[in-house]
C-alpha atoms as a PDB file:
ATOM      1  CA  UNK A   1      -4.319  -1.983   2.109  1.00  0.00           C
ATOM      2  CA  UNK A   2      -5.407   1.093   5.183  1.00  0.00           C
ATOM      3  CA  UNK A   3      -2.643   1.067   7.697  1.00  0.00           C
ATOM      4  CA  UNK A   4      -5.335   0.136  10.815  1.00  0.00           C
ATOM      5  CA  UNK A   5      -5.367  -3.789   9.049  1.00  0.00           C
ATOM      6  CA  UNK A   6      -3.389  -6.052  10.503  1.00  0.00           C
ATOM      7  CA  UNK A   7      -2.356  -8.815   8.203  1.00  0.00           C
ATOM      8  CA  UNK A   8      -0.521 -11.971  10.994  1.00  0.00           C
ATOM      9  CA  UNK A   9       1.621 -14.672   8.810  1.00  0.00           C
ATOM     10  CA  UNK A  10       0.667 -17.449  11.033  1.00  0.00           C
ATOM     11  CA  UNK A  11       2.749 -20.589   9.208  1.00  0.00           C
ATOM     12  CA  UNK A  12       3.637 -21.222   6.388  1.00  0.00           C
ATOM     13  CA  UNK A  13       4.609 -25.332   4.990  1.00  0.00           C
ATOM     14  CA  UNK A  14       6.479 -25.917   2.220  1.00  0.00           C
ATOM     15  CA  UNK A  15       4.604 -28.817  -0.194  1.00  0.00           C
ATOM     16  CA  UNK A  16       6.532 -31.072  -0.360  1.00  0.00           C
ATOM     17  CA  UNK A  17       4.548 -33.103  -3.684  1.00  0.00           C
ATOM     18  CA  UNK A  18       4.746 -29.358  -5.048  1.00  0.00           C
ATOM     19  CA  UNK A  19       8.207 -28.640  -4.584  1.00  0.00           C
ATOM     20  CA  UNK A  20       8.289 -24.536  -5.180  1.00  0.00           C
ATOM     21  CA  UNK A  21       4.867 -23.810  -3.221  1.00  0.00           C
ATOM     22  CA  UNK A  22       4.185 -23.363  -0.141  1.00  0.00           C
ATOM     23  CA  UNK A  23       1.084 -22.751   1.689  1.00  0.00           C
ATOM     24  CA  UNK A  24       0.525 -19.214   3.888  1.00  0.00           C
ATOM     25  CA  UNK A  25      -2.409 -19.327   6.359  1.00  0.00           C
ATOM     26  CA  UNK A  26      -3.016 -15.609   7.278  1.00  0.00           C
ATOM     27  CA  UNK A  27      -5.246 -14.018  10.196  1.00  0.00           C
ATOM     28  CA  UNK A  28      -6.565 -11.159   8.841  1.00  0.00           C
ATOM     29  CA  UNK A  29      -8.430  -7.745  11.429  1.00  0.00           C
ATOM     30  CA  UNK A  30     -10.400  -4.770  10.226  1.00  0.00           C
ATOM     31  CA  UNK A  31     -11.811  -2.413  12.768  1.00  0.00           C
ATOM     32  CA  UNK A  32     -14.877  -0.983  12.159  1.00  0.00           C
ATOM     33  CA  UNK A  33     -15.624   0.410   9.167  1.00  0.00           C
ATOM     34  CA  UNK A  34     -12.601  -0.235   7.605  1.00  0.00           C
ATOM     35  CA  UNK A  35     -11.882  -1.307   4.161  1.00  0.00           C
ATOM     36  CA  UNK A  36      -8.657  -2.888   1.705  1.00  0.00           C
ATOM     37  CA  UNK A  37     -10.384  -2.337  -1.523  1.00  0.00           C
ATOM     38  CA  UNK A  38      -8.894  -2.020  -5.404  1.00  0.00           C
ATOM     39  CA  UNK A  39      -6.180  -4.579  -4.446  1.00  0.00           C
ATOM     40  CA  UNK A  40      -5.806  -7.793  -6.153  1.00  0.00           C
ATOM     41  CA  UNK A  41      -4.466 -11.371  -5.787  1.00  0.00           C
ATOM     42  CA  UNK A  42      -2.856 -13.254  -8.608  1.00  0.00           C
ATOM     43  CA  UNK A  43      -3.527 -16.719  -6.548  1.00  0.00           C
ATOM     44  CA  UNK A  44      -7.076 -18.099  -5.307  1.00  0.00           C
ATOM     45  CA  UNK A  45      -7.657 -18.006  -1.502  1.00  0.00           C
ATOM     46  CA  UNK A  46      -9.902 -19.861   0.786  1.00  0.00           C
ATOM     47  CA  UNK A  47     -11.119 -18.261   4.047  1.00  0.00           C
ATOM     48  CA  UNK A  48     -13.852 -18.250   7.255  1.00  0.00           C
ATOM     49  CA  UNK A  49     -14.856 -15.965   8.528  1.00  0.00           C
ATOM     50  CA  UNK A  50     -14.140 -15.340  12.860  1.00  0.00           C
ATOM     51  CA  UNK A  51     -16.199 -12.846  13.593  1.00  0.00           C
ATOM     52  CA  UNK A  52     -18.441  -9.380  12.236  1.00  0.00           C
ATOM     53  CA  UNK A  53     -19.254  -9.091   8.532  1.00  0.00           C
ATOM     54  CA  UNK A  54     -17.284  -8.824   4.947  1.00  0.00           C
ATOM     55  CA  UNK A  55     -18.580  -7.323   2.059  1.00  0.00           C
ATOM     56  CA  UNK A  56     -17.134  -8.375  -0.830  1.00  0.00           C
ATOM     57  CA  UNK A  57     -16.830  -8.121  -4.673  1.00  0.00           C
ATOM     58  CA  UNK A  58     -14.592  -8.896  -7.700  1.00  0.00           C
ATOM     59  CA  UNK A  59     -14.266  -7.410 -11.246  1.00  0.00           C
ATOM     60  CA  UNK A  60     -17.805  -5.981 -11.194  1.00  0.00           C
ATOM     61  CA  UNK A  61     -19.395  -8.519  -9.784  1.00  0.00           C
ATOM     62  CA  UNK A  62     -22.109  -7.634  -6.827  1.00  0.00           C
ATOM     63  CA  UNK A  63     -21.330  -7.233  -3.311  1.00  0.00           C
ATOM     64  CA  UNK A  64     -21.354 -10.555  -1.411  1.00  0.00           C
ATOM     65  CA  UNK A  65     -22.109 -10.195   2.239  1.00  0.00           C
ATOM     66  CA  UNK A  66     -20.054 -13.054   4.337  1.00  0.00           C
ATOM     67  CA  UNK A  67     -20.609 -13.459   8.617  1.00  0.00           C
ATOM     68  CA  UNK A  68     -18.871 -15.579  11.145  1.00  0.00           C
ATOM     69  CA  UNK A  69     -19.363 -18.733  10.803  1.00  0.00           C
ATOM     70  CA  UNK A  70     -19.270 -18.442   6.934  1.00  0.00           C
ATOM     71  CA  UNK A  71     -16.658 -19.541   4.072  1.00  0.00           C
ATOM     72  CA  UNK A  72     -14.838 -17.258   0.879  1.00  0.00           C
ATOM     73  CA  UNK A  73     -13.323 -17.281  -1.986  1.00  0.00           C
ATOM     74  CA  UNK A  74     -10.587 -15.115  -2.900  1.00  0.00           C
ATOM     75  CA  UNK A  75     -10.287 -15.213  -6.656  1.00  0.00           C
ATOM     76  CA  UNK A  76      -7.539 -15.024  -8.318  1.00  0.00           C
ATOM     77  CA  UNK A  77      -8.837 -11.191  -9.786  1.00  0.00           C
ATOM     78  CA  UNK A  78      -9.002  -7.964  -8.874  1.00  0.00           C
ATOM     79  CA  UNK A  79     -10.943  -7.056  -5.096  1.00  0.00           C
ATOM     80  CA  UNK A  80     -12.525  -3.652  -6.203  1.00  0.00           C
ATOM     81  CA  UNK A  81     -14.241  -4.440  -2.690  1.00  0.00           C
ATOM     82  CA  UNK A  82     -13.345  -5.963   0.533  1.00  0.00           C
ATOM     83  CA  UNK A  83     -14.386  -3.910   3.653  1.00  0.00           C
ATOM     84  CA  UNK A  84     -15.461  -4.687   7.067  1.00  0.00           C
ATOM     85  CA  UNK A  85     -19.878  -3.889   6.911  1.00  0.00           C
ATOM     86  CA  UNK A  86     -20.105  -2.763  10.787  1.00  0.00           C
ATOM     87  CA  UNK A  87     -19.506   0.632  11.484  1.00  0.00           C
ATOM     88  CA  UNK A  88     -18.836  -0.346  15.222  1.00  0.00           C
ATOM     89  CA  UNK A  89     -17.782  -4.060  15.500  1.00  0.00           C
ATOM     90  CA  UNK A  90     -13.912  -5.806  13.957  1.00  0.00           C
ATOM     91  CA  UNK A  91     -13.902  -8.021  10.818  1.00  0.00           C
ATOM     92  CA  UNK A  92     -11.605 -11.097  11.813  1.00  0.00           C
ATOM     93  CA  UNK A  93     -11.164 -14.044   8.914  1.00  0.00           C
ATOM     94  CA  UNK A  94      -8.677 -16.704   8.418  1.00  0.00           C
ATOM     95  CA  UNK A  95      -7.227 -16.723   4.640  1.00  0.00           C
ATOM     96  CA  UNK A  96      -4.836 -19.577   3.504  1.00  0.00           C
ATOM     97  CA  UNK A  97      -3.511 -19.313   0.053  1.00  0.00           C
ATOM     98  CA  UNK A  98      -0.930 -22.014  -2.130  1.00  0.00           C
ATOM     99  CA  UNK A  99       1.454 -19.986  -3.101  1.00  0.00           C
ATOM    100  CA  UNK A 100       4.834 -20.043  -5.517  1.00  0.00           C
ATOM    101  CA  UNK A 101       7.583 -19.495  -3.061  1.00  0.00           C
ATOM    102  CA  UNK A 102       9.215 -15.917  -3.052  1.00  0.00           C
ATOM    103  CA  UNK A 103       5.629 -14.739  -4.907  1.00  0.00           C
ATOM    104  CA  UNK A 104       2.898 -12.962  -3.356  1.00  0.00           C
ATOM    105  CA  UNK A 105      -0.525 -13.806  -2.754  1.00  0.00           C
ATOM    106  CA  UNK A 106      -1.762  -9.694  -2.864  1.00  0.00           C
ATOM    107  CA  UNK A 107      -0.876  -6.967  -4.942  1.00  0.00           C
ATOM    108  CA  UNK A 108      -2.143  -3.767  -2.796  1.00  0.00           C
ATOM    109  CA  UNK A 109      -1.796  -0.363  -5.099  1.00  0.00           C
ATOM    110  CA  UNK A 110       1.271   1.248  -5.548  1.00  0.00           C
ATOM    111  CA  UNK A 111       3.544  -1.891  -4.236  1.00  0.00           C
END
């Protein structure tokens, strides 16, 4: 993940009906032209673009573009393309994951 991309954990909530699991809500911001290509997700995430343009592709799938006001799904898979679709405007989104407590929701190369 590029150093300029910010990932703020807004809330972590234990799930009473699923012992050992928790929900996590993140606010993630990409400055103009930033990318976090080539990472993976061991669990599914559900997100919503707050501002800007997101370009995303998993595995060998074609690129998809999401704009402010659209929701999207981060598959439990290899996230080949994850970038801000604008070279001049920031992109910000909310995303929630349900994860086993203590396990990662995102894995970056070399971690």
